[in-house]
Amino acid sequence: MADESNVETIWIVTDDASQGSEPHRSYREIAQEKGVKVSVPALEQKMSRFLKSVSRIFHQAEQEAQKNNAGMQLDEIELSVEISGEGEIKLMGTGGKAASKGAIKLTFKRTEPK
């Protein structure tokens, strides 16, 4: 069995806790009370799978636009994602909590041909 004490982890704060409302408490104190530790290697693997899936979706959309002679090219994609307390990567939709302050913004730009 692997020694879990050597596994790199990251804190995911799962409750709406802002420093502004509790100025006397450190982020670490709030994270330990309202967060969970997630394995970095597991999170890397889940992010990699998520990005591969998103890449396939947008690649297909770009091919459809070209095939239909729509005169369009996909140059930039901006996604908002959220990491759950279980380390799941979720694409944020519109409405509701989609604009939550905990979302991570990922922007992908087309690279120039070399």
C-alpha atoms as a PDB file:
ATOM      1  CA  MET A   1       0.000   0.000   0.000  1.00  0.00           C
ATOM      2  CA  ALA A   2       1.325   3.470  -0.947  1.00  0.00           C
ATOM      3  CA  ASP A   3       2.246   5.926   1.768  1.00  0.00           C
ATOM      4  CA  GLU A   4      -0.432   8.633   1.414  1.00  0.00           C
ATOM      5  CA  SER A   5       1.539  11.098   3.558  1.00  0.00           C
ATOM      6  CA  ASN A   6       3.915  11.632   0.599  1.00  0.00           C
ATOM      7  CA  VAL A   7       1.123  12.404  -1.877  1.00  0.00           C
ATOM      8  CA  GLU A   8       0.966  16.099  -2.768  1.00  0.00           C
ATOM      9  CA  THR A   9      -2.448  17.598  -1.981  1.00  0.00           C
ATOM     10  CA  ILE A  10      -4.296  20.841  -2.549  1.00  0.00           C
ATOM     11  CA  TRP A  11      -7.065  22.348  -0.427  1.00  0.00           C
ATOM     12  CA  ILE A  12     -10.491  22.756  -2.055  1.00  0.00           C
ATOM     13  CA  VAL A  13     -12.704  25.081  -0.020  1.00  0.00           C
ATOM     14  CA  THR A  14     -16.224  23.761  -0.483  1.00  0.00           C
ATOM     15  CA  ASP A  15     -18.224  26.360   1.409  1.00  0.00           C
ATOM     16  CA  ASP A  16     -18.712  30.033   0.622  1.00  0.00           C
ATOM     17  CA  ALA A  17     -16.059  31.393   2.948  1.00  0.00           C
ATOM     18  CA  SER A  18     -14.595  34.790   2.272  1.00  0.00           C
ATOM     19  CA  GLN A  19     -11.636  36.346   4.000  1.00  0.00           C
ATOM     20  CA  GLY A  20     -13.508  39.653   4.138  1.00  0.00           C
ATOM     21  CA  SER A  21     -16.177  38.368   6.475  1.00  0.00           C
ATOM     22  CA  GLU A  22     -13.652  36.749   8.844  1.00  0.00           C
ATOM     23  CA  PRO A  23     -10.575  39.024   8.832  1.00  0.00           C
ATOM     24  CA  HIS A  24      -9.120  37.489  12.012  1.00  0.00           C
ATOM     25  CA  ARG A  25      -8.865  34.008  10.446  1.00  0.00           C
ATOM     26  CA  SER A  26      -6.242  32.832   7.985  1.00  0.00           C
ATOM     27  CA  TYR A  27      -7.088  31.105   4.710  1.00  0.00           C
ATOM     28  CA  ARG A  28      -5.549  27.891   6.123  1.00  0.00           C
ATOM     29  CA  GLU A  29      -7.897  27.985   9.133  1.00  0.00           C
ATOM     30  CA  ILE A  30     -10.913  28.482   6.891  1.00  0.00           C
ATOM     31  CA  ALA A  31      -9.737  25.749   4.477  1.00  0.00           C
ATOM     32  CA  GLN A  32      -9.249  23.261   7.297  1.00  0.00           C
ATOM     33  CA  GLU A  33     -12.747  23.956   8.598  1.00  0.00           C
ATOM     34  CA  LYS A  34     -14.653  24.282   5.317  1.00  0.00           C
ATOM     35  CA  GLY A  35     -12.482  22.445   2.824  1.00  0.00           C
ATOM     36  CA  VAL A  36     -11.076  19.094   1.862  1.00  0.00           C
ATOM     37  CA  LYS A  37      -7.665  17.947   0.683  1.00  0.00           C
ATOM     38  CA  VAL A  38      -7.559  16.529  -2.840  1.00  0.00           C
ATOM     39  CA  SER A  39      -4.668  14.545  -4.301  1.00  0.00           C
ATOM     40  CA  VAL A  40      -2.755  16.608  -6.878  1.00  0.00           C
ATOM     41  CA  PRO A  41      -1.949  13.566  -9.087  1.00  0.00           C
ATOM     42  CA  ALA A  42      -5.639  12.571  -9.112  1.00  0.00           C
ATOM     43  CA  LEU A  43      -6.655  16.160  -9.919  1.00  0.00           C
ATOM     44  CA  GLU A  44      -4.101  16.284 -12.765  1.00  0.00           C
ATOM     45  CA  GLN A  45      -5.540  13.090 -14.226  1.00  0.00           C
ATOM     46  CA  LYS A  46      -9.126  14.368 -14.022  1.00  0.00           C
ATOM     47  CA  MET A  47      -8.178  17.739 -15.555  1.00  0.00           C
ATOM     48  CA  SER A  48      -6.376  15.946 -18.381  1.00  0.00           C
ATOM     49  CA  ARG A  49      -9.467  13.826 -19.157  1.00  0.00           C
ATOM     50  CA  PHE A  50     -11.685  16.917 -18.981  1.00  0.00           C
ATOM     51  CA  LEU A  51      -9.466  18.869 -21.395  1.00  0.00           C
ATOM     52  CA  LYS A  52      -9.300  15.953 -23.837  1.00  0.00           C
ATOM     53  CA  SER A  53     -13.101  15.742 -23.874  1.00  0.00           C
ATOM     54  CA  VAL A  54     -13.533  19.494 -24.370  1.00  0.00           C
ATOM     55  CA  SER A  55     -10.921  19.426 -27.130  1.00  0.00           C
ATOM     56  CA  ARG A  56     -12.838  16.714 -29.004  1.00  0.00           C
ATOM     57  CA  ILE A  57     -16.103  18.651 -28.688  1.00  0.00           C
ATOM     58  CA  PHE A  58     -14.670  21.891 -30.072  1.00  0.00           C
ATOM     59  CA  HIS A  59     -12.634  20.128 -32.758  1.00  0.00           C
ATOM     60  CA  GLN A  60     -15.867  18.547 -34.032  1.00  0.00           C
ATOM     61  CA  ALA A  61     -17.643  21.928 -33.936  1.00  0.00           C
ATOM     62  CA  GLU A  62     -14.828  23.511 -35.946  1.00  0.00           C
ATOM     63  CA  GLN A  63     -14.932  20.718 -38.543  1.00  0.00           C
ATOM     64  CA  GLU A  64     -18.712  21.141 -38.918  1.00  0.00           C
ATOM     65  CA  ALA A  65     -18.336  24.896 -39.448  1.00  0.00           C
ATOM     66  CA  GLN A  66     -15.706  24.311 -42.155  1.00  0.00           C
ATOM     67  CA  LYS A  67     -17.668  21.491 -43.794  1.00  0.00           C
ATOM     68  CA  ASN A  68     -20.793  23.622 -44.093  1.00  0.00           C
ATOM     69  CA  ASN A  69     -18.801  26.473 -45.682  1.00  0.00           C
ATOM     70  CA  ALA A  70     -19.953  28.754 -42.930  1.00  0.00           C
ATOM     71  CA  GLY A  71     -16.829  30.888 -43.334  1.00  0.00           C
ATOM     72  CA  MET A  72     -16.043  30.567 -39.647  1.00  0.00           C
ATOM     73  CA  GLN A  73     -12.931  29.514 -37.786  1.00  0.00           C
ATOM     74  CA  LEU A  74     -12.638  28.827 -34.084  1.00  0.00           C
ATOM     75  CA  ASP A  75      -9.880  31.127 -32.760  1.00  0.00           C
ATOM     76  CA  GLU A  76     -10.497  31.265 -29.027  1.00  0.00           C
ATOM     77  CA  ILE A  77     -12.382  29.294 -26.403  1.00  0.00           C
ATOM     78  CA  GLU A  78     -13.116  30.549 -22.910  1.00  0.00           C
ATOM     79  CA  LEU A  79     -14.423  28.098 -20.332  1.00  0.00           C
ATOM     80  CA  SER A  80     -15.300  28.437 -16.671  1.00  0.00           C
ATOM     81  CA  VAL A  81     -14.727  25.300 -14.644  1.00  0.00           C
ATOM     82  CA  GLU A  82     -15.244  24.337 -11.037  1.00  0.00           C
ATOM     83  CA  ILE A  83     -13.458  21.739  -8.930  1.00  0.00           C
ATOM     84  CA  SER A  84     -15.751  19.930  -6.498  1.00  0.00           C
ATOM     85  CA  GLY A  85     -14.781  18.748  -3.024  1.00  0.00           C
ATOM     86  CA  GLU A  86     -14.327  15.288  -4.530  1.00  0.00           C
ATOM     87  CA  GLY A  87     -11.890  16.679  -7.103  1.00  0.00           C
ATOM     88  CA  GLU A  88     -14.312  16.419 -10.019  1.00  0.00           C
ATOM     89  CA  ILE A  89     -13.845  18.950 -12.825  1.00  0.00           C
ATOM     90  CA  LYS A  90     -17.131  20.525 -13.929  1.00  0.00           C
ATOM     91  CA  LEU A  91     -17.882  22.848 -16.829  1.00  0.00           C
ATOM     92  CA  MET A  92     -19.879  25.847 -15.603  1.00  0.00           C
ATOM     93  CA  GLY A  93     -23.065  26.641 -17.491  1.00  0.00           C
ATOM     94  CA  THR A  94     -24.977  29.897 -17.618  1.00  0.00           C
ATOM     95  CA  GLY A  95     -27.361  31.182 -14.973  1.00  0.00           C
ATOM     96  CA  GLY A  96     -27.601  30.193 -11.337  1.00  0.00           C
ATOM     97  CA  LYS A  97     -24.209  29.881  -9.695  1.00  0.00           C
ATOM     98  CA  ALA A  98     -22.308  29.844 -12.997  1.00  0.00           C
ATOM     99  CA  ALA A  99     -20.660  33.147 -12.168  1.00  0.00           C
ATOM    100  CA  SER A 100     -19.491  31.939  -8.769  1.00  0.00           C
ATOM    101  CA  LYS A 101     -16.273  33.496  -7.558  1.00  0.00           C
ATOM    102  CA  GLY A 102     -14.699  30.055  -7.233  1.00  0.00           C
ATOM    103  CA  ALA A 103     -14.788  29.311 -10.948  1.00  0.00           C
ATOM    104  CA  ILE A 104     -11.525  28.900 -12.827  1.00  0.00           C
ATOM    105  CA  LYS A 105     -11.360  30.651 -16.186  1.00  0.00           C
ATOM    106  CA  LEU A 106      -9.483  28.744 -18.906  1.00  0.00           C
ATOM    107  CA  THR A 107      -8.774  30.568 -22.181  1.00  0.00           C
ATOM    108  CA  PHE A 108      -7.403  28.714 -25.186  1.00  0.00           C
ATOM    109  CA  LYS A 109      -6.147  30.672 -28.197  1.00  0.00           C
ATOM    110  CA  ARG A 110      -5.258  29.354 -31.622  1.00  0.00           C
ATOM    111  CA  THR A 111      -1.505  29.173 -32.097  1.00  0.00           C
ATOM    112  CA  GLU A 112       0.127  30.600 -35.184  1.00  0.00           C
ATOM    113  CA  PRO A 113       1.507  27.999 -37.597  1.00  0.00           C
ATOM    114  CA  LYS A 114       5.260  27.579 -37.256  1.00  0.00           C
END
